[in-house]
Amino acid sequence: MLDHKNYHEQQNLKNSIRLRELMYTLPSFTLEFFRGIEQTTSSKTRIAYAYDLKVFFDFLTAYHCILKNKEIQSLTLEDMKQIVPDDVELYLEHLNYYVKETKNSSIHKTVEHKNTERGKARKLASLRAFYKYFYKKQKLKSNPTLLVDLPKIHDKTIIKLEIDEVAKLLDEVESGEKLTSGQKKYHQHTKERDLALLTLLLGTGVRVSECVGLNLSDIDFEVNGIRITRKGGNEVIIYFGDEVEEALKAYLPKRQKLIPSSDHEDALFLSLQNKRLSVRSIQNLVKKYSKLVTKLKNISPHKLRSTYGTHLYQETGDIYLVADVLGHKDVNTTKKHYAQIEDERRRRAARMLKLRKD
């Protein structure tokens, strides 16, 4: 039987296998980098680094005046000493738009790639981590990435559901009235599950990956809490209110009647195939119901998390509490996300102050 720990260990194992496959496509010296950061990064972060470094090495072997036409796997750490800040800036400009050919057996396909400021910033951050490691190990004498500014990222408006939209969303999940006839056939089997799942996301602010990993044994109605595994592997208890309790208790009798597939026995949320719901499945589920409520907002599980964080901050005004509940390691991350709300609070305060009586 798959317990709470083993589910996350299995995900890490899958990620490790994927990372190993990716590393075969990279220069051999990158193995040292990935071994060196293993204790301080998650497997998902290392996979993201591998993808980003592959794009950088592709650029070098296609356009760099010295390294052009070399095979990626033949690049050496000595070659990295040829990179100067101008090369990094050209790379960032290249990321705006580039075309890549993919070869799959006999099929040749051309794929277009575009990067926003946020995408370019992430790729530069990956490159900085790579150079920082070898510079710290004194295997590279300079770090050209530090002389290149991160792309300016324009703050995006927080997309969230308003209080009345949250109520409408849960009403639609419960009734299923606006669903298509085909969707309604499935809805009669999944209504309790879907309502429990969306109520949990909206009532706790957990990440979709944390929700996917939930097991039956992770719920404790004595304290109204769920045990989740945060990014990085830490286990924490998240507490929930009456509405989440009610939705979970309505779903559990139906869940207990299901016969799960092998290795999915303890999973809290099961698919119609009686397997643990995947991240993609929950994303599609949220999208399906949210479109019934609002056509102008593109709602995802992360937007439900933003909805929870926003409402919690509006109710408490305690940014440290919000950061703790959402699992942000750095409160500045939370402040950045909810700066718009803080700005509106300051505006309201300014309007409230009267220098002269009317």
Protein backbone atom coordinates (compact mmCIF):
# COMPACT_ATOMS: atom_id res chain seq x y z
CA MET A 1 0.00 0.00 0.00
CA LEU A 2 1.26 3.51 -0.83
CA ASP A 3 1.45 5.65 2.33
CA HIS A 4 1.82 9.43 2.57
CA LYS A 5 5.62 9.40 2.47
CA ASN A 6 5.83 6.85 -0.32
CA TYR A 7 3.62 8.89 -2.67
CA HIS A 8 6.01 11.83 -2.53
CA GLU A 9 9.02 9.52 -2.66
CA GLN A 10 7.55 7.96 -5.80
CA GLN A 11 7.18 11.42 -7.37
CA ASN A 12 10.79 12.21 -6.49
CA LEU A 13 11.86 8.90 -8.00
CA LYS A 14 10.05 9.71 -11.26
CA ASN A 15 11.68 13.14 -11.28
CA SER A 16 15.09 11.60 -10.64
CA ILE A 17 14.66 9.27 -13.62
CA ARG A 18 13.55 12.20 -15.81
CA LEU A 19 16.53 14.27 -14.64
CA ARG A 20 18.90 11.43 -15.45
CA GLU A 21 17.48 11.24 -18.98
CA LEU A 22 17.92 15.00 -19.40
CA MET A 23 21.49 14.93 -18.11
CA TYR A 24 22.48 12.50 -20.88
CA THR A 25 21.74 15.35 -23.32
CA LEU A 26 23.99 17.84 -21.44
CA PRO A 27 27.79 18.25 -21.16
CA SER A 28 29.35 15.80 -18.69
CA PHE A 29 30.57 18.54 -16.30
CA THR A 30 26.96 19.45 -15.47
CA LEU A 31 26.70 16.18 -13.51
CA GLU A 32 28.87 17.73 -10.80
CA PHE A 33 26.55 20.75 -10.64
CA PHE A 34 23.43 18.62 -10.18
CA ARG A 35 25.12 16.45 -7.54
CA GLY A 36 26.31 19.57 -5.74
CA ILE A 37 22.85 21.17 -5.46
CA GLU A 38 20.96 17.97 -4.67
CA GLN A 39 20.76 18.63 -0.91
CA THR A 40 19.51 22.20 -1.27
CA THR A 41 16.99 21.92 -4.14
CA SER A 42 13.92 19.88 -4.98
CA SER A 43 13.89 17.36 -7.83
CA LYS A 44 11.46 19.62 -9.76
CA THR A 45 13.85 22.57 -9.44
CA ARG A 46 16.75 20.48 -10.79
CA ILE A 47 14.63 19.38 -13.76
CA ALA A 48 13.79 23.04 -14.49
CA TYR A 49 17.53 23.87 -14.34
CA ALA A 50 18.28 21.02 -16.75
CA TYR A 51 15.74 22.26 -19.30
CA ASP A 52 17.00 25.84 -19.00
CA LEU A 53 20.67 24.85 -19.34
CA LYS A 54 19.84 22.77 -22.42
CA VAL A 55 18.37 25.91 -24.07
CA PHE A 56 21.53 27.87 -23.19
CA PHE A 57 23.88 25.21 -24.57
CA ASP A 58 21.72 24.94 -27.72
CA PHE A 59 22.20 28.69 -28.17
CA LEU A 60 25.98 28.50 -27.68
CA THR A 61 26.47 25.67 -30.19
CA ALA A 62 24.30 27.46 -32.74
CA TYR A 63 25.49 31.07 -32.45
CA HIS A 64 28.59 31.57 -30.30
CA CYS A 65 31.56 32.69 -32.39
CA ILE A 66 33.94 30.11 -30.84
CA LEU A 67 31.61 27.31 -29.72
CA LYS A 68 29.39 27.29 -32.81
CA ASN A 69 28.95 23.86 -34.42
CA LYS A 70 30.29 21.96 -31.40
CA GLU A 71 28.22 19.08 -30.05
CA ILE A 72 26.54 19.94 -26.75
CA GLN A 73 27.89 16.82 -25.05
CA SER A 74 31.44 17.75 -26.10
CA LEU A 75 31.36 21.15 -24.34
CA THR A 76 33.79 21.45 -21.43
CA LEU A 77 34.08 23.65 -18.38
CA GLU A 78 37.03 25.27 -20.16
CA ASP A 79 34.58 26.33 -22.90
CA MET A 80 32.46 28.11 -20.30
CA LYS A 81 35.40 30.47 -19.67
CA GLN A 82 34.77 31.88 -23.16
CA ILE A 83 31.40 33.28 -22.10
CA VAL A 84 31.28 37.03 -21.42
CA PRO A 85 28.36 39.27 -20.33
CA ASP A 86 27.65 40.23 -23.97
CA ASP A 87 27.02 36.54 -24.74
CA VAL A 88 24.52 36.30 -21.90
CA GLU A 89 22.72 39.44 -23.10
CA LEU A 90 22.56 38.03 -26.64
CA TYR A 91 21.15 34.82 -25.17
CA LEU A 92 18.38 36.76 -23.38
CA GLU A 93 17.56 38.57 -26.62
CA HIS A 94 17.48 35.18 -28.40
CA LEU A 95 14.92 33.95 -25.85
CA ASN A 96 12.37 36.50 -27.06
CA TYR A 97 11.68 34.25 -30.03
CA TYR A 98 13.44 31.24 -31.49
CA VAL A 99 12.58 28.22 -33.60
CA LYS A 100 13.74 24.71 -32.82
CA GLU A 101 13.51 21.55 -34.88
CA THR A 102 12.55 18.38 -33.06
CA LYS A 103 13.23 14.96 -34.52
CA ASN A 104 11.03 12.10 -33.45
CA SER A 105 11.82 8.94 -35.46
CA SER A 106 10.99 9.97 -39.03
CA ILE A 107 8.92 13.02 -38.09
CA HIS A 108 10.58 16.44 -38.24
CA LYS A 109 8.71 19.22 -36.54
CA THR A 110 9.49 22.91 -36.17
CA VAL A 111 8.44 24.40 -32.84
CA GLU A 112 8.30 28.12 -32.08
CA HIS A 113 9.37 29.31 -28.63
CA LYS A 114 8.66 32.67 -26.98
CA ASN A 115 9.61 33.95 -23.54
CA THR A 116 8.11 36.77 -21.51
CA GLU A 117 10.21 38.79 -19.05
CA ARG A 118 9.27 36.25 -16.41
CA GLY A 119 10.47 33.33 -18.55
CA LYS A 120 13.75 35.08 -19.35
CA ALA A 121 14.29 35.96 -15.69
CA ARG A 122 13.84 32.31 -14.71
CA LYS A 123 16.31 31.10 -17.33
CA LEU A 124 18.86 33.71 -16.25
CA ALA A 125 18.34 32.64 -12.62
CA SER A 126 19.10 29.03 -13.65
CA LEU A 127 22.25 30.19 -15.42
CA ARG A 128 23.30 32.24 -12.39
CA ALA A 129 22.92 29.20 -10.13
CA PHE A 130 25.07 27.17 -12.54
CA TYR A 131 27.88 29.77 -12.70
CA LYS A 132 27.65 30.50 -8.98
CA TYR A 133 28.30 26.83 -8.20
CA PHE A 134 31.46 26.53 -10.32
CA TYR A 135 32.69 30.00 -9.28
CA LYS A 136 32.32 29.02 -5.61
CA LYS A 137 34.23 25.79 -6.32
CA GLN A 138 36.95 27.98 -7.92
CA LYS A 139 36.63 26.07 -11.20
CA LEU A 140 35.55 29.25 -13.01
CA LYS A 141 37.33 32.53 -12.33
CA SER A 142 34.41 34.79 -13.21
CA ASN A 143 30.62 34.82 -13.24
CA PRO A 144 29.44 36.80 -16.29
CA THR A 145 25.77 36.35 -15.36
CA LEU A 146 26.15 38.73 -12.39
CA LEU A 147 27.01 41.56 -14.78
CA VAL A 148 23.71 41.13 -16.62
CA ASP A 149 20.58 42.66 -15.14
CA LEU A 150 17.53 40.50 -14.58
CA PRO A 151 14.71 41.43 -17.00
CA LYS A 152 12.26 43.84 -15.41
CA ILE A 153 9.13 41.94 -14.50
CA HIS A 154 5.93 43.96 -14.54
CA ASP A 155 3.61 43.12 -11.68
CA LYS A 156 0.51 41.30 -12.82
CA THR A 157 -2.91 41.97 -11.36
CA ILE A 158 -3.92 39.21 -8.96
CA ILE A 159 -6.61 37.19 -10.68
CA LYS A 160 -8.95 35.77 -8.09
CA LEU A 161 -12.59 35.04 -7.44
CA GLU A 162 -14.66 37.55 -5.53
CA ILE A 163 -16.72 36.36 -2.56
CA ASP A 164 -19.94 36.13 -4.61
CA GLU A 165 -18.09 34.25 -7.37
CA VAL A 166 -16.79 31.71 -4.84
CA ALA A 167 -20.37 31.07 -3.69
CA LYS A 168 -21.58 30.74 -7.29
CA LEU A 169 -18.74 28.34 -8.11
CA LEU A 170 -19.57 26.02 -5.22
CA ASP A 171 -23.28 26.23 -6.05
CA GLU A 172 -22.53 25.17 -9.64
CA VAL A 173 -20.38 22.26 -8.44
CA GLU A 174 -23.22 21.14 -6.20
CA SER A 175 -26.04 21.51 -8.73
CA GLY A 176 -24.30 20.82 -12.04
CA GLU A 177 -27.18 22.63 -13.77
CA LYS A 178 -25.07 24.45 -16.37
CA LEU A 179 -23.01 21.40 -17.32
CA THR A 180 -23.52 19.75 -20.70
CA SER A 181 -25.62 16.58 -20.86
CA GLY A 182 -22.43 14.55 -21.25
CA GLN A 183 -20.80 16.22 -18.26
CA LYS A 184 -23.92 15.68 -16.15
CA LYS A 185 -23.58 11.89 -16.55
CA TYR A 186 -20.18 12.02 -14.87
CA HIS A 187 -21.28 14.69 -12.40
CA GLN A 188 -23.71 12.37 -10.63
CA HIS A 189 -20.72 10.14 -9.77
CA THR A 190 -18.25 12.91 -8.89
CA LYS A 191 -20.37 15.68 -7.33
CA GLU A 192 -19.36 15.00 -3.72
CA ARG A 193 -15.70 14.54 -4.68
CA ASP A 194 -15.59 17.72 -6.76
CA LEU A 195 -17.32 19.78 -4.08
CA ALA A 196 -14.96 18.48 -1.37
CA LEU A 197 -11.92 19.14 -3.55
CA LEU A 198 -12.81 22.71 -4.55
CA THR A 199 -13.99 23.59 -1.05
CA LEU A 200 -10.69 22.31 0.31
CA LEU A 201 -8.64 24.35 -2.21
CA LEU A 202 -10.68 27.49 -1.49
CA GLY A 203 -10.78 26.92 2.26
CA THR A 204 -7.11 26.13 2.91
CA GLY A 205 -5.08 27.63 0.04
CA VAL A 206 -3.06 24.43 -0.42
CA ARG A 207 -1.10 23.95 -3.64
CA VAL A 208 -2.54 21.58 -6.23
CA SER A 209 0.50 19.28 -5.79
CA GLU A 210 -0.17 19.18 -2.04
CA CYS A 211 -3.83 18.38 -2.69
CA VAL A 212 -2.92 15.54 -5.07
CA GLY A 213 -0.73 13.93 -2.42
CA LEU A 214 -3.45 13.84 0.26
CA ASN A 215 -4.35 10.47 1.73
CA LEU A 216 -7.36 9.39 3.80
CA SER A 217 -5.02 9.04 6.78
CA ASP A 218 -4.03 12.72 6.47
CA ILE A 219 -7.41 14.01 7.71
CA ASP A 220 -7.99 14.53 11.42
CA PHE A 221 -11.49 15.73 12.30
CA GLU A 222 -10.53 15.92 15.98
CA VAL A 223 -8.59 19.10 15.24
CA ASN A 224 -10.04 19.79 11.75
CA GLY A 225 -6.63 19.57 10.13
CA ILE A 226 -4.95 17.93 7.16
CA ARG A 227 -1.34 16.81 6.95
CA ILE A 228 0.36 17.94 3.75
CA THR A 229 3.87 17.72 2.36
CA ARG A 230 5.21 21.12 1.36
CA LYS A 231 7.70 21.84 -1.40
CA GLY A 232 11.02 20.58 -0.07
CA GLY A 233 9.43 17.62 1.73
CA ASN A 234 8.43 19.20 5.07
CA GLU A 235 5.21 17.90 6.61
CA VAL A 236 2.85 20.47 8.15
CA ILE A 237 -0.68 20.54 9.51
CA ILE A 238 -3.13 22.91 7.80
CA TYR A 239 -6.36 23.65 9.63
CA PHE A 240 -9.78 24.04 8.00
CA GLY A 241 -13.16 25.49 8.91
CA ASP A 242 -16.69 24.17 9.14
CA GLU A 243 -17.48 24.35 5.40
CA VAL A 244 -14.43 22.25 4.49
CA GLU A 245 -15.31 19.79 7.26
CA GLU A 246 -18.88 19.49 5.99
CA ALA A 247 -17.78 18.93 2.37
CA LEU A 248 -15.19 16.30 3.33
CA LYS A 249 -17.62 14.42 5.57
CA ALA A 250 -20.22 14.40 2.76
CA TYR A 251 -17.64 12.94 0.35
CA LEU A 252 -15.94 10.34 2.55
CA PRO A 253 -18.85 7.79 2.70
CA LYS A 254 -18.85 7.68 -1.12
CA ARG A 255 -15.04 7.44 -1.19
CA GLN A 256 -15.12 4.50 1.26
CA LYS A 257 -17.36 2.54 -1.13
CA LEU A 258 -14.88 2.82 -4.02
CA ILE A 259 -12.41 0.05 -4.75
CA PRO A 260 -9.11 1.80 -5.51
CA SER A 261 -6.59 0.50 -8.01
CA SER A 262 -3.42 -1.08 -6.67
CA ASP A 263 -1.06 1.44 -5.04
CA HIS A 264 -3.88 4.02 -4.78
CA GLU A 265 -5.65 2.54 -1.75
CA ASP A 266 -5.14 5.48 0.60
CA ALA A 267 -5.52 8.33 -1.92
CA LEU A 268 -8.16 10.83 -0.79
CA PHE A 269 -9.30 11.96 -4.22
CA LEU A 270 -9.80 9.25 -6.85
CA SER A 271 -10.53 9.50 -10.56
CA LEU A 272 -13.34 7.59 -12.28
CA GLN A 273 -10.66 4.95 -12.96
CA ASN A 274 -10.20 4.72 -9.17
CA LYS A 275 -6.65 6.07 -9.35
CA ARG A 276 -5.22 9.06 -7.50
CA LEU A 277 -6.27 12.28 -9.26
CA SER A 278 -3.36 13.91 -11.09
CA VAL A 279 -2.38 17.59 -11.10
CA ARG A 280 -3.64 17.87 -14.68
CA SER A 281 -7.00 16.33 -13.74
CA ILE A 282 -7.54 18.86 -10.96
CA GLN A 283 -6.51 21.71 -13.27
CA ASN A 284 -9.10 20.57 -15.82
CA LEU A 285 -11.73 20.15 -13.14
CA VAL A 286 -11.22 23.70 -11.82
CA LYS A 287 -11.27 25.08 -15.36
CA LYS A 288 -14.51 23.25 -16.20
CA TYR A 289 -16.47 24.61 -13.23
CA SER A 290 -14.96 28.12 -13.15
CA LYS A 291 -15.98 28.73 -16.79
CA LEU A 292 -19.59 28.34 -15.67
CA VAL A 293 -19.13 31.28 -13.28
CA THR A 294 -16.79 33.67 -15.09
CA LYS A 295 -15.76 33.78 -18.73
CA LEU A 296 -13.40 36.73 -18.34
CA LYS A 297 -11.12 35.21 -15.70
CA ASN A 298 -8.85 32.28 -16.46
CA ILE A 299 -9.16 30.42 -13.16
CA SER A 300 -6.65 27.70 -12.21
CA PRO A 301 -5.96 25.92 -8.90
CA HIS A 302 -3.26 28.54 -8.26
CA LYS A 303 -5.86 31.29 -8.70
CA LEU A 304 -7.99 29.56 -6.05
CA ARG A 305 -4.91 29.71 -3.81
CA SER A 306 -4.64 33.44 -4.57
CA THR A 307 -8.34 33.80 -3.76
CA TYR A 308 -7.79 32.20 -0.35
CA GLY A 309 -4.68 34.29 0.36
CA THR A 310 -6.40 37.52 -0.66
CA HIS A 311 -9.50 36.91 1.45
CA LEU A 312 -7.40 35.82 4.45
CA TYR A 313 -5.29 38.99 4.19
CA GLN A 314 -8.36 41.18 3.83
CA GLU A 315 -9.91 39.59 6.92
CA THR A 316 -6.81 39.60 9.16
CA GLY A 317 -4.42 42.21 7.73
CA ASP A 318 -1.66 39.88 8.96
CA ILE A 319 0.83 39.29 6.12
CA TYR A 320 2.95 37.00 8.33
CA LEU A 321 -0.03 34.75 9.03
CA VAL A 322 -0.84 34.59 5.30
CA ALA A 323 2.81 33.75 4.49
CA ASP A 324 2.84 30.98 7.11
CA VAL A 325 -0.45 29.39 6.01
CA LEU A 326 0.49 29.52 2.30
CA GLY A 327 3.89 28.01 3.04
CA HIS A 328 6.00 30.90 1.72
CA LYS A 329 9.52 30.60 3.13
CA ASP A 330 10.12 34.32 2.67
CA VAL A 331 7.43 36.81 3.74
CA ASN A 332 8.68 39.16 1.00
CA THR A 333 7.25 36.68 -1.51
CA THR A 334 3.84 37.14 0.10
CA LYS A 335 4.24 40.91 0.30
CA LYS A 336 5.07 41.02 -3.40
CA HIS A 337 1.98 39.01 -4.29
CA TYR A 338 -0.39 41.07 -2.17
CA ALA A 339 1.19 44.51 -2.59
CA GLN A 340 -1.86 45.65 -4.57
CA ILE A 341 -4.14 45.00 -1.60
CA GLU A 342 -1.75 46.83 0.73
CA ASP A 343 -1.68 49.76 -1.69
CA GLU A 344 -5.48 49.91 -1.73
CA ARG A 345 -5.51 49.85 2.10
CA ARG A 346 -3.15 52.84 2.12
CA ARG A 347 -5.35 54.66 -0.41
CA ARG A 348 -8.42 54.07 1.77
CA ALA A 349 -6.53 55.36 4.80
CA ALA A 350 -5.60 58.53 2.91
CA ARG A 351 -9.22 59.13 1.90
CA MET A 352 -10.42 58.66 5.48
CA LEU A 353 -8.26 61.46 6.83
CA LYS A 354 -10.01 64.85 6.79
CA LEU A 355 -7.93 67.97 7.41
CA ARG A 356 -10.95 70.25 7.53
CA LYS A 357 -14.41 69.41 8.63
CA ASP A 358 -17.10 69.74 5.94
